[in-house]
Amino acid sequence: MVKTGEKSTETALGYEQARDELVEVVRRLETGGTTLEESLALWERGEELAQVCRRWLDGARARLDAALAERSDAADTSEAAGSGRSVRSADASGAAPGEGEAAG
């Protein structure tokens, strides 16, 4: 199972490392002067590296989305708590709504 070994190697690569290697692969392909077999191997490696980069970027996007959603949820909760505090402070007199009128 060569794919499993390749996959673990790919996941061990950081984004910048994979990107830099991909840039080198593209440079070598554009320069030419390689055999058909070498070109195909470079192309396949480039596809693998592009997939590694794509996974890193997708993961980063998911983390950003989660952080933004958490921030939004925290803001919504804070706003809801803020509304609740103003209602509670109005009730801080100890009188339930309508009790003040009956006592007064």
PDB file of N, CA and C in Angstrom:
ATOM      1  N   MET A   1       0.824  -1.187   0.000  1.00  0.00           N
ATOM      2  CA  MET A   1       0.000   0.000   0.000  1.00  0.00           C
ATOM      3  C   MET A   1       0.866   1.249   0.000  1.00  0.00           C
ATOM      4  N   VAL A   2       1.260   1.671  -1.136  1.00  0.00           N
ATOM      5  CA  VAL A   2       2.110   2.835  -1.293  1.00  0.00           C
ATOM      6  C   VAL A   2       1.347   4.108  -0.938  1.00  0.00           C
ATOM      7  N   LYS A   3       0.062   4.143  -1.253  1.00  0.00           N
ATOM      8  CA  LYS A   3      -0.748   5.330  -0.996  1.00  0.00           C
ATOM      9  C   LYS A   3      -0.733   5.716   0.474  1.00  0.00           C
ATOM     10  N   THR A   4      -0.811   4.742   1.377  1.00  0.00           N
ATOM     11  CA  THR A   4      -0.829   5.028   2.801  1.00  0.00           C
ATOM     12  C   THR A   4       0.467   5.710   3.221  1.00  0.00           C
ATOM     13  N   GLY A   5       1.609   5.193   2.768  1.00  0.00           N
ATOM     14  CA  GLY A   5       2.895   5.808   3.073  1.00  0.00           C
ATOM     15  C   GLY A   5       3.000   7.207   2.506  1.00  0.00           C
ATOM     16  N   GLU A   6       2.517   7.379   1.281  1.00  0.00           N
ATOM     17  CA  GLU A   6       2.543   8.694   0.653  1.00  0.00           C
ATOM     18  C   GLU A   6       1.665   9.658   1.427  1.00  0.00           C
ATOM     19  N   LYS A   7       0.510   9.188   1.850  1.00  0.00           N
ATOM     20  CA  LYS A   7      -0.419  10.057   2.551  1.00  0.00           C
ATOM     21  C   LYS A   7       0.168  10.540   3.870  1.00  0.00           C
ATOM     22  N   SER A   8       0.841   9.632   4.620  1.00  0.00           N
ATOM     23  CA  SER A   8       1.434  10.045   5.889  1.00  0.00           C
ATOM     24  C   SER A   8       2.573  11.026   5.654  1.00  0.00           C
ATOM     25  N   THR A   9       3.312  10.854   4.571  1.00  0.00           N
ATOM     26  CA  THR A   9       4.370  11.805   4.230  1.00  0.00           C
ATOM     27  C   THR A   9       3.755  13.151   3.881  1.00  0.00           C
ATOM     28  N   GLU A  10       2.671  13.123   3.110  1.00  0.00           N
ATOM     29  CA  GLU A  10       1.998  14.364   2.722  1.00  0.00           C
ATOM     30  C   GLU A  10       1.486  15.112   3.930  1.00  0.00           C
ATOM     31  N   THR A  11       0.856  14.407   4.861  1.00  0.00           N
ATOM     32  CA  THR A  11       0.286  15.083   6.021  1.00  0.00           C
ATOM     33  C   THR A  11       1.377  15.596   6.947  1.00  0.00           C
ATOM     34  N   ALA A  12       2.587  15.021   6.853  1.00  0.00           N
ATOM     35  CA  ALA A  12       3.697  15.498   7.670  1.00  0.00           C
ATOM     36  C   ALA A  12       4.242  16.825   7.131  1.00  0.00           C
ATOM     37  N   LEU A  13       3.970  17.119   5.869  1.00  0.00           N
ATOM     38  CA  LEU A  13       4.434  18.370   5.276  1.00  0.00           C
ATOM     39  C   LEU A  13       3.596  19.537   5.787  1.00  0.00           C
ATOM     40  N   GLY A  14       4.272  20.608   6.156  1.00  0.00           N
ATOM     41  CA  GLY A  14       3.571  21.837   6.486  1.00  0.00           C
ATOM     42  C   GLY A  14       3.140  22.534   5.211  1.00  0.00           C
ATOM     43  N   TYR A  15       2.270  23.507   5.349  1.00  0.00           N
ATOM     44  CA  TYR A  15       1.774  24.224   4.174  1.00  0.00           C
ATOM     45  C   TYR A  15       2.916  24.878   3.395  1.00  0.00           C
ATOM     46  N   GLU A  16       3.750  25.631   4.101  1.00  0.00           N
ATOM     47  CA  GLU A  16       4.822  26.356   3.422  1.00  0.00           C
ATOM     48  C   GLU A  16       5.801  25.407   2.732  1.00  0.00           C
ATOM     49  N   GLN A  17       6.098  24.294   3.398  1.00  0.00           N
ATOM     50  CA  GLN A  17       7.011  23.316   2.815  1.00  0.00           C
ATOM     51  C   GLN A  17       6.413  22.721   1.537  1.00  0.00           C
ATOM     52  N   ALA A  18       5.139  22.357   1.586  1.00  0.00           N
ATOM     53  CA  ALA A  18       4.469  21.797   0.409  1.00  0.00           C
ATOM     54  C   ALA A  18       4.384  22.834  -0.702  1.00  0.00           C
ATOM     55  N   ARG A  19       4.058  24.061  -0.345  1.00  0.00           N
ATOM     56  CA  ARG A  19       3.964  25.132  -1.346  1.00  0.00           C
ATOM     57  C   ARG A  19       5.305  25.380  -2.017  1.00  0.00           C
ATOM     58  N   ASP A  20       6.372  25.439  -1.213  1.00  0.00           N
ATOM     59  CA  ASP A  20       7.700  25.683  -1.779  1.00  0.00           C
ATOM     60  C   ASP A  20       8.127  24.559  -2.718  1.00  0.00           C
ATOM     61  N   GLU A  21       7.837  23.318  -2.314  1.00  0.00           N
ATOM     62  CA  GLU A  21       8.182  22.195  -3.185  1.00  0.00           C
ATOM     63  C   GLU A  21       7.343  22.233  -4.459  1.00  0.00           C
ATOM     64  N   LEU A  22       6.082  22.623  -4.347  1.00  0.00           N
ATOM     65  CA  LEU A  22       5.214  22.734  -5.516  1.00  0.00           C
ATOM     66  C   LEU A  22       5.741  23.793  -6.475  1.00  0.00           C
ATOM     67  N   VAL A  23       6.199  24.910  -5.948  1.00  0.00           N
ATOM     68  CA  VAL A  23       6.784  25.966  -6.786  1.00  0.00           C
ATOM     69  C   VAL A  23       7.987  25.415  -7.545  1.00  0.00           C
ATOM     70  N   GLU A  24       8.807  24.632  -6.866  1.00  0.00           N
ATOM     71  CA  GLU A  24       9.982  24.038  -7.516  1.00  0.00           C
ATOM     72  C   GLU A  24       9.566  23.044  -8.602  1.00  0.00           C
ATOM     73  N   VAL A  25       8.554  22.242  -8.326  1.00  0.00           N
ATOM     74  CA  VAL A  25       8.063  21.282  -9.326  1.00  0.00           C
ATOM     75  C   VAL A  25       7.571  22.022 -10.567  1.00  0.00           C
ATOM     76  N   VAL A  26       6.802  23.072 -10.364  1.00  0.00           N
ATOM     77  CA  VAL A  26       6.285  23.854 -11.500  1.00  0.00           C
ATOM     78  C   VAL A  26       7.438  24.474 -12.280  1.00  0.00           C
ATOM     79  N   ARG A  27       8.420  25.012 -11.566  1.00  0.00           N
ATOM     80  CA  ARG A  27       9.575  25.608 -12.228  1.00  0.00           C
ATOM     81  C   ARG A  27      10.279  24.577 -13.108  1.00  0.00           C
ATOM     82  N   ARG A  28      10.476  23.380 -12.572  1.00  0.00           N
ATOM     83  CA  ARG A  28      11.159  22.330 -13.337  1.00  0.00           C
ATOM     84  C   ARG A  28      10.343  21.909 -14.558  1.00  0.00           C
ATOM     85  N   LEU A  29       9.023  21.838 -14.398  1.00  0.00           N
ATOM     86  CA  LEU A  29       8.174  21.474 -15.533  1.00  0.00           C
ATOM     87  C   LEU A  29       8.195  22.559 -16.604  1.00  0.00           C
ATOM     88  N   GLU A  30       8.163  23.815 -16.173  1.00  0.00           N
ATOM     89  CA  GLU A  30       8.172  24.914 -17.142  1.00  0.00           C
ATOM     90  C   GLU A  30       9.510  25.047 -17.855  1.00  0.00           C
ATOM     91  N   THR A  31      10.578  24.717 -17.153  1.00  0.00           N
ATOM     92  CA  THR A  31      11.911  24.802 -17.753  1.00  0.00           C
ATOM     93  C   THR A  31      12.085  23.775 -18.850  1.00  0.00           C
ATOM     94  N   GLY A  32      11.481  22.621 -18.651  1.00  0.00           N
ATOM     95  CA  GLY A  32      11.603  21.561 -19.654  1.00  0.00           C
ATOM     96  C   GLY A  32      12.918  20.826 -19.513  1.00  0.00           C
ATOM     97  N   GLY A  33      13.264  20.086 -20.526  1.00  0.00           N
ATOM     98  CA  GLY A  33      14.509  19.348 -20.520  1.00  0.00           C
ATOM     99  C   GLY A  33      14.457  18.053 -19.733  1.00  0.00           C
ATOM    100  N   THR A  34      13.266  17.630 -19.364  1.00  0.00           N
ATOM    101  CA  THR A  34      13.125  16.368 -18.645  1.00  0.00           C
ATOM    102  C   THR A  34      12.505  15.334 -19.584  1.00  0.00           C
ATOM    103  N   THR A  35      12.725  14.089 -19.257  1.00  0.00           N
ATOM    104  CA  THR A  35      12.119  13.023 -20.059  1.00  0.00           C
ATOM    105  C   THR A  35      10.622  12.983 -19.778  1.00  0.00           C
ATOM    106  N   LEU A  36       9.924  12.246 -20.597  1.00  0.00           N
ATOM    107  CA  LEU A  36       8.496  12.082 -20.404  1.00  0.00           C
ATOM    108  C   LEU A  36       8.210  11.470 -19.032  1.00  0.00           C
ATOM    109  N   GLU A  37       8.981  10.440 -18.661  1.00  0.00           N
ATOM    110  CA  GLU A  37       8.781   9.776 -17.377  1.00  0.00           C
ATOM    111  C   GLU A  37       9.015  10.742 -16.217  1.00  0.00           C
ATOM    112  N   GLU A  38      10.084  11.553 -16.319  1.00  0.00           N
ATOM    113  CA  GLU A  38      10.380  12.534 -15.273  1.00  0.00           C
ATOM    114  C   GLU A  38       9.277  13.588 -15.193  1.00  0.00           C
ATOM    115  N   SER A  39       8.815  14.023 -16.352  1.00  0.00           N
ATOM    116  CA  SER A  39       7.738  15.021 -16.387  1.00  0.00           C
ATOM    117  C   SER A  39       6.465  14.480 -15.753  1.00  0.00           C
ATOM    118  N   LEU A  40       6.136  13.223 -16.065  1.00  0.00           N
ATOM    119  CA  LEU A  40       4.941  12.622 -15.459  1.00  0.00           C
ATOM    120  C   LEU A  40       5.090  12.493 -13.946  1.00  0.00           C
ATOM    121  N   ALA A  41       6.274  12.090 -13.499  1.00  0.00           N
ATOM    122  CA  ALA A  41       6.524  11.973 -12.058  1.00  0.00           C
ATOM    123  C   ALA A  41       6.424  13.338 -11.382  1.00  0.00           C
ATOM    124  N   LEU A  42       6.966  14.361 -12.033  1.00  0.00           N
ATOM    125  CA  LEU A  42       6.869  15.712 -11.481  1.00  0.00           C
ATOM    126  C   LEU A  42       5.415  16.177 -11.429  1.00  0.00           C
ATOM    127  N   TRP A  43       4.685  15.895 -12.493  1.00  0.00           N
ATOM    128  CA  TRP A  43       3.270  16.272 -12.543  1.00  0.00           C
ATOM    129  C   TRP A  43       2.498  15.607 -11.402  1.00  0.00           C
ATOM    130  N   GLU A  44       2.723  14.294 -11.223  1.00  0.00           N
ATOM    131  CA  GLU A  44       2.033  13.570 -10.147  1.00  0.00           C
ATOM    132  C   GLU A  44       2.404  14.137  -8.783  1.00  0.00           C
ATOM    133  N   ARG A  45       3.688  14.436  -8.585  1.00  0.00           N
ATOM    134  CA  ARG A  45       4.121  15.019  -7.308  1.00  0.00           C
ATOM    135  C   ARG A  45       3.473  16.385  -7.117  1.00  0.00           C
ATOM    136  N   GLY A  46       3.388  17.152  -8.187  1.00  0.00           N
ATOM    137  CA  GLY A  46       2.731  18.458  -8.117  1.00  0.00           C
ATOM    138  C   GLY A  46       1.274  18.337  -7.706  1.00  0.00           C
ATOM    139  N   GLU A  47       0.582  17.338  -8.242  1.00  0.00           N
ATOM    140  CA  GLU A  47      -0.821  17.112  -7.869  1.00  0.00           C
ATOM    141  C   GLU A  47      -0.936  16.761  -6.386  1.00  0.00           C
ATOM    142  N   GLU A  48      -0.019  15.903  -5.906  1.00  0.00           N
ATOM    143  CA  GLU A  48      -0.017  15.529  -4.485  1.00  0.00           C
ATOM    144  C   GLU A  48       0.218  16.754  -3.602  1.00  0.00           C
ATOM    145  N   LEU A  49       1.196  17.563  -3.989  1.00  0.00           N
ATOM    146  CA  LEU A  49       1.522  18.753  -3.206  1.00  0.00           C
ATOM    147  C   LEU A  49       0.381  19.768  -3.220  1.00  0.00           C
ATOM    148  N   ALA A  50      -0.260  19.907  -4.365  1.00  0.00           N
ATOM    149  CA  ALA A  50      -1.412  20.810  -4.456  1.00  0.00           C
ATOM    150  C   ALA A  50      -2.527  20.341  -3.518  1.00  0.00           C
ATOM    151  N   GLN A  51      -2.722  19.024  -3.430  1.00  0.00           N
ATOM    152  CA  GLN A  51      -3.739  18.467  -2.533  1.00  0.00           C
ATOM    153  C   GLN A  51      -3.380  18.739  -1.067  1.00  0.00           C
ATOM    154  N   VAL A  52      -2.104  18.605  -0.728  1.00  0.00           N
ATOM    155  CA  VAL A  52      -1.653  18.912   0.636  1.00  0.00           C
ATOM    156  C   VAL A  52      -1.954  20.377   0.960  1.00  0.00           C
ATOM    157  N   CYS A  53      -1.599  21.256   0.045  1.00  0.00           N
ATOM    158  CA  CYS A  53      -1.858  22.689   0.250  1.00  0.00           C
ATOM    159  C   CYS A  53      -3.349  22.955   0.386  1.00  0.00           C
ATOM    160  N   ARG A  54      -4.137  22.305  -0.464  1.00  0.00           N
ATOM    161  CA  ARG A  54      -5.593  22.483  -0.419  1.00  0.00           C
ATOM    162  C   ARG A  54      -6.147  22.051   0.934  1.00  0.00           C
ATOM    163  N   ARG A  55      -5.656  20.915   1.464  1.00  0.00           N
ATOM    164  CA  ARG A  55      -6.128  20.447   2.780  1.00  0.00           C
ATOM    165  C   ARG A  55      -5.755  21.427   3.885  1.00  0.00           C
ATOM    166  N   TRP A  56      -4.530  21.951   3.838  1.00  0.00           N
ATOM    167  CA  TRP A  56      -4.114  22.941   4.833  1.00  0.00           C
ATOM    168  C   TRP A  56      -5.008  24.184   4.756  1.00  0.00           C
ATOM    169  N   LEU A  57      -5.255  24.662   3.549  1.00  0.00           N
ATOM    170  CA  LEU A  57      -6.080  25.859   3.391  1.00  0.00           C
ATOM    171  C   LEU A  57      -7.529  25.616   3.808  1.00  0.00           C
ATOM    172  N   ASP A  58      -8.058  24.436   3.468  1.00  0.00           N
ATOM    173  CA  ASP A  58      -9.422  24.092   3.891  1.00  0.00           C
ATOM    174  C   ASP A  58      -9.505  24.020   5.413  1.00  0.00           C
ATOM    175  N   GLY A  59      -8.483  23.435   6.035  1.00  0.00           N
ATOM    176  CA  GLY A  59      -8.444  23.359   7.490  1.00  0.00           C
ATOM    177  C   GLY A  59      -8.355  24.734   8.130  1.00  0.00           C
ATOM    178  N   ALA A  60      -7.545  25.599   7.541  1.00  0.00           N
ATOM    179  CA  ALA A  60      -7.421  26.962   8.050  1.00  0.00           C
ATOM    180  C   ALA A  60      -8.751  27.698   7.921  1.00  0.00           C
ATOM    181  N   ARG A  61      -9.425  27.516   6.788  1.00  0.00           N
ATOM    182  CA  ARG A  61     -10.729  28.160   6.582  1.00  0.00           C
ATOM    183  C   ARG A  61     -11.745  27.662   7.609  1.00  0.00           C
ATOM    184  N   ALA A  62     -11.745  26.361   7.872  1.00  0.00           N
ATOM    185  CA  ALA A  62     -12.670  25.797   8.853  1.00  0.00           C
ATOM    186  C   ALA A  62     -12.396  26.361  10.241  1.00  0.00           C
ATOM    187  N   ARG A  63     -11.124  26.498  10.594  1.00  0.00           N
ATOM    188  CA  ARG A  63     -10.770  27.056  11.905  1.00  0.00           C
ATOM    189  C   ARG A  63     -11.191  28.514  12.008  1.00  0.00           C
ATOM    190  N   LEU A  64     -10.982  29.275  10.927  1.00  0.00           N
ATOM    191  CA  LEU A  64     -11.409  30.675  10.936  1.00  0.00           C
ATOM    192  C   LEU A  64     -12.926  30.794  11.042  1.00  0.00           C
ATOM    193  N   ASP A  65     -13.632  29.974  10.275  1.00  0.00           N
ATOM    194  CA  ASP A  65     -15.094  29.992  10.332  1.00  0.00           C
ATOM    195  C   ASP A  65     -15.588  29.647  11.732  1.00  0.00           C
ATOM    196  N   ALA A  66     -14.969  28.642  12.362  1.00  0.00           N
ATOM    197  CA  ALA A  66     -15.364  28.241  13.716  1.00  0.00           C
ATOM    198  C   ALA A  66     -15.087  29.369  14.706  1.00  0.00           C
ATOM    199  N   ALA A  67     -13.929  30.019  14.571  1.00  0.00           N
ATOM    200  CA  ALA A  67     -13.591  31.120  15.475  1.00  0.00           C
ATOM    201  C   ALA A  67     -14.552  32.284  15.292  1.00  0.00           C
ATOM    202  N   LEU A  68     -14.895  32.593  14.047  1.00  0.00           N
ATOM    203  CA  LEU A  68     -15.833  33.685  13.781  1.00  0.00           C
ATOM    204  C   LEU A  68     -17.228  33.345  14.296  1.00  0.00           C
ATOM    205  N   ALA A  69     -17.632  32.092  14.130  1.00  0.00           N
ATOM    206  CA  ALA A  69     -18.941  31.675  14.629  1.00  0.00           C
ATOM    207  C   ALA A  69     -18.967  31.743  16.150  1.00  0.00           C
ATOM    208  N   GLU A  70     -17.893  31.317  16.779  1.00  0.00           N
ATOM    209  CA  GLU A  70     -17.803  31.369  18.244  1.00  0.00           C
ATOM    210  C   GLU A  70     -17.849  32.811  18.722  1.00  0.00           C
ATOM    211  N   ARG A  71     -17.139  33.668  18.021  1.00  0.00           N
ATOM    212  CA  ARG A  71     -17.135  35.094  18.375  1.00  0.00           C
ATOM    213  C   ARG A  71     -18.532  35.691  18.219  1.00  0.00           C
ATOM    214  N   SER A  72     -19.200  35.311  17.130  1.00  0.00           N
ATOM    215  CA  SER A  72     -20.557  35.795  16.891  1.00  0.00           C
ATOM    216  C   SER A  72     -21.519  35.283  17.957  1.00  0.00           C
ATOM    217  N   ASP A  73     -21.380  34.000  18.314  1.00  0.00           N
ATOM    218  CA  ASP A  73     -22.224  33.423  19.358  1.00  0.00           C
ATOM    219  C   ASP A  73     -21.972  34.111  20.690  1.00  0.00           C
ATOM    220  N   ALA A  74     -20.716  34.405  20.992  1.00  0.00           N
ATOM    221  CA  ALA A  74     -20.371  35.080  22.244  1.00  0.00           C
ATOM    222  C   ALA A  74     -20.968  36.483  22.263  1.00  0.00           C
ATOM    223  N   ALA A  75     -20.930  37.171  21.127  1.00  0.00           N
ATOM    224  CA  ALA A  75     -21.505  38.510  21.045  1.00  0.00           C
ATOM    225  C   ALA A  75     -23.016  38.447  21.217  1.00  0.00           C
ATOM    226  N   ASP A  76     -23.661  37.456  20.589  1.00  0.00           N
ATOM    227  CA  ASP A  76     -25.108  37.301  20.739  1.00  0.00           C
ATOM    228  C   ASP A  76     -25.475  36.996  22.183  1.00  0.00           C
ATOM    229  N   THR A  77     -24.704  36.127  22.821  1.00  0.00           N
ATOM    230  CA  THR A  77     -24.950  35.772  24.214  1.00  0.00           C
ATOM    231  C   THR A  77     -24.749  36.984  25.099  1.00  0.00           C
ATOM    232  N   SER A  78     -23.711  37.760  24.813  1.00  0.00           N
ATOM    233  CA  SER A  78     -23.431  38.960  25.596  1.00  0.00           C
ATOM    234  C   SER A  78     -24.556  39.978  25.447  1.00  0.00           C
ATOM    235  N   GLU A  79     -25.059  40.144  24.223  1.00  0.00           N
ATOM    236  CA  GLU A  79     -26.163  41.063  23.992  1.00  0.00           C
ATOM    237  C   GLU A  79     -27.413  40.599  24.719  1.00  0.00           C
ATOM    238  N   ALA A  80     -27.685  39.297  24.670  1.00  0.00           N
ATOM    239  CA  ALA A  80     -28.855  38.748  25.354  1.00  0.00           C
ATOM    240  C   ALA A  80     -28.701  38.921  26.853  1.00  0.00           C
ATOM    241  N   ALA A  81     -27.509  38.693  27.371  1.00  0.00           N
ATOM    242  CA  ALA A  81     -27.261  38.863  28.798  1.00  0.00           C
ATOM    243  C   ALA A  81     -27.385  40.338  29.165  1.00  0.00           C
ATOM    244  N   GLY A  82     -26.939  41.214  28.270  1.00  0.00           N
ATOM    245  CA  GLY A  82     -27.057  42.653  28.509  1.00  0.00           C
ATOM    246  C   GLY A  82     -28.508  43.075  28.613  1.00  0.00           C
ATOM    247  N   SER A  83     -29.387  42.538  27.783  1.00  0.00           N
ATOM    248  CA  SER A  83     -30.804  42.851  27.856  1.00  0.00           C
ATOM    249  C   SER A  83     -31.377  42.320  29.148  1.00  0.00           C
ATOM    250  N   GLY A  84     -30.964  41.131  29.521  1.00  0.00           N
ATOM    251  CA  GLY A  84     -31.452  40.518  30.752  1.00  0.00           C
ATOM    252  C   GLY A  84     -31.033  41.312  31.977  1.00  0.00           C
ATOM    253  N   ARG A  85     -29.837  41.884  31.943  1.00  0.00           N
ATOM    254  CA  ARG A  85     -29.362  42.664  33.076  1.00  0.00           C
ATOM    255  C   ARG A  85     -30.218  43.903  33.267  1.00  0.00           C
ATOM    256  N   SER A  86     -30.615  44.567  32.201  1.00  0.00           N
ATOM    257  CA  SER A  86     -31.402  45.776  32.357  1.00  0.00           C
ATOM    258  C   SER A  86     -32.772  45.433  32.931  1.00  0.00           C
ATOM    259  N   VAL A  87     -33.343  44.286  32.551  1.00  0.00           N
ATOM    260  CA  VAL A  87     -34.628  43.873  33.107  1.00  0.00           C
ATOM    261  C   VAL A  87     -34.445  43.542  34.576  1.00  0.00           C
ATOM    262  N   ARG A  88     -33.368  42.823  34.902  1.00  0.00           N
ATOM    263  CA  ARG A  88     -33.126  42.467  36.295  1.00  0.00           C
ATOM    264  C   ARG A  88     -32.881  43.704  37.134  1.00  0.00           C
ATOM    265  N   SER A  89     -32.173  44.729  36.618  1.00  0.00           N
ATOM    266  CA  SER A  89     -31.929  45.900  37.432  1.00  0.00           C
ATOM    267  C   SER A  89     -33.216  46.672  37.670  1.00  0.00           C
ATOM    268  N   ALA A  90     -34.149  46.613  36.742  1.00  0.00           N
ATOM    269  CA  ALA A  90     -35.430  47.278  36.967  1.00  0.00           C
ATOM    270  C   ALA A  90     -36.190  46.565  38.071  1.00  0.00           C
ATOM    271  N   ASP A  91     -35.974  45.254  38.179  1.00  0.00           N
ATOM    272  CA  ASP A  91     -36.644  44.481  39.212  1.00  0.00           C
ATOM    273  C   ASP A  91     -35.866  44.484  40.522  1.00  0.00           C
ATOM    274  N   ALA A  92     -34.730  45.151  40.561  1.00  0.00           N
ATOM    275  CA  ALA A  92     -33.889  45.137  41.747  1.00  0.00           C
ATOM    276  C   ALA A  92     -34.569  45.783  42.945  1.00  0.00           C
ATOM    277  N   SER A  93     -35.626  46.527  42.731  1.00  0.00           N
ATOM    278  CA  SER A  93     -36.342  47.149  43.843  1.00  0.00           C
ATOM    279  C   SER A  93     -36.996  46.100  44.719  1.00  0.00           C
ATOM    280  N   GLY A  94     -37.088  44.884  44.179  1.00  0.00           N
ATOM    281  CA  GLY A  94     -37.689  43.807  44.946  1.00  0.00           C
ATOM    282  C   GLY A  94     -39.161  43.646  44.630  1.00  0.00           C
ATOM    283  N   ALA A  95     -39.734  44.589  43.938  1.00  0.00           N
ATOM    284  CA  ALA A  95     -41.161  44.505  43.624  1.00  0.00           C
ATOM    285  C   ALA A  95     -41.336  43.851  42.281  1.00  0.00           C
ATOM    286  N   ALA A  96     -42.232  42.949  42.173  1.00  0.00           N
ATOM    287  CA  ALA A  96     -42.567  42.345  40.902  1.00  0.00           C
ATOM    288  C   ALA A  96     -43.366  43.353  40.107  1.00  0.00           C
ATOM    289  N   PRO A  97     -43.384  43.247  38.807  1.00  0.00           N
ATOM    290  CA  PRO A  97     -44.184  44.197  38.018  1.00  0.00           C
ATOM    291  C   PRO A  97     -45.633  44.219  38.499  1.00  0.00           C
ATOM    292  N   GLY A  98     -46.147  45.399  38.760  1.00  0.00           N
ATOM    293  CA  GLY A  98     -47.523  45.543  39.209  1.00  0.00           C
ATOM    294  C   GLY A  98     -47.645  45.606  40.717  1.00  0.00           C
ATOM    295  N   GLU A  99     -46.665  45.121  41.481  1.00  0.00           N
ATOM    296  CA  GLU A  99     -46.746  45.141  42.940  1.00  0.00           C
ATOM    297  C   GLU A  99     -46.636  46.555  43.472  1.00  0.00           C
ATOM    298  N   GLY A 100     -45.806  47.376  42.853  1.00  0.00           N
ATOM    299  CA  GLY A 100     -45.624  48.750  43.298  1.00  0.00           C
ATOM    300  C   GLY A 100     -46.931  49.515  43.255  1.00  0.00           C
ATOM    301  N   GLU A 101     -47.735  49.256  42.268  1.00  0.00           N
ATOM    302  CA  GLU A 101     -49.007  49.958  42.136  1.00  0.00           C
ATOM    303  C   GLU A 101     -49.973  49.528  43.221  1.00  0.00           C
ATOM    304  N   ALA A 102     -49.977  48.229  43.542  1.00  0.00           N
ATOM    305  CA  ALA A 102     -50.910  47.738  44.544  1.00  0.00           C
ATOM    306  C   ALA A 102     -50.527  48.244  45.926  1.00  0.00           C
ATOM    307  N   ALA A 103     -49.222  48.382  46.197  1.00  0.00           N
ATOM    308  CA  ALA A 103     -48.792  48.818  47.502  1.00  0.00           C
ATOM    309  C   ALA A 103     -48.918  50.319  47.626  1.00  0.00           C
ATOM    310  N   GLY A 104     -48.893  51.058  46.543  1.00  0.00           N
ATOM    311  CA  GLY A 104     -48.796  52.503  46.587  1.00  0.00           C
ATOM    312  C   GLY A 104     -50.045  53.193  46.575  1.00  0.00           C
TER     313      GLY A 104
END
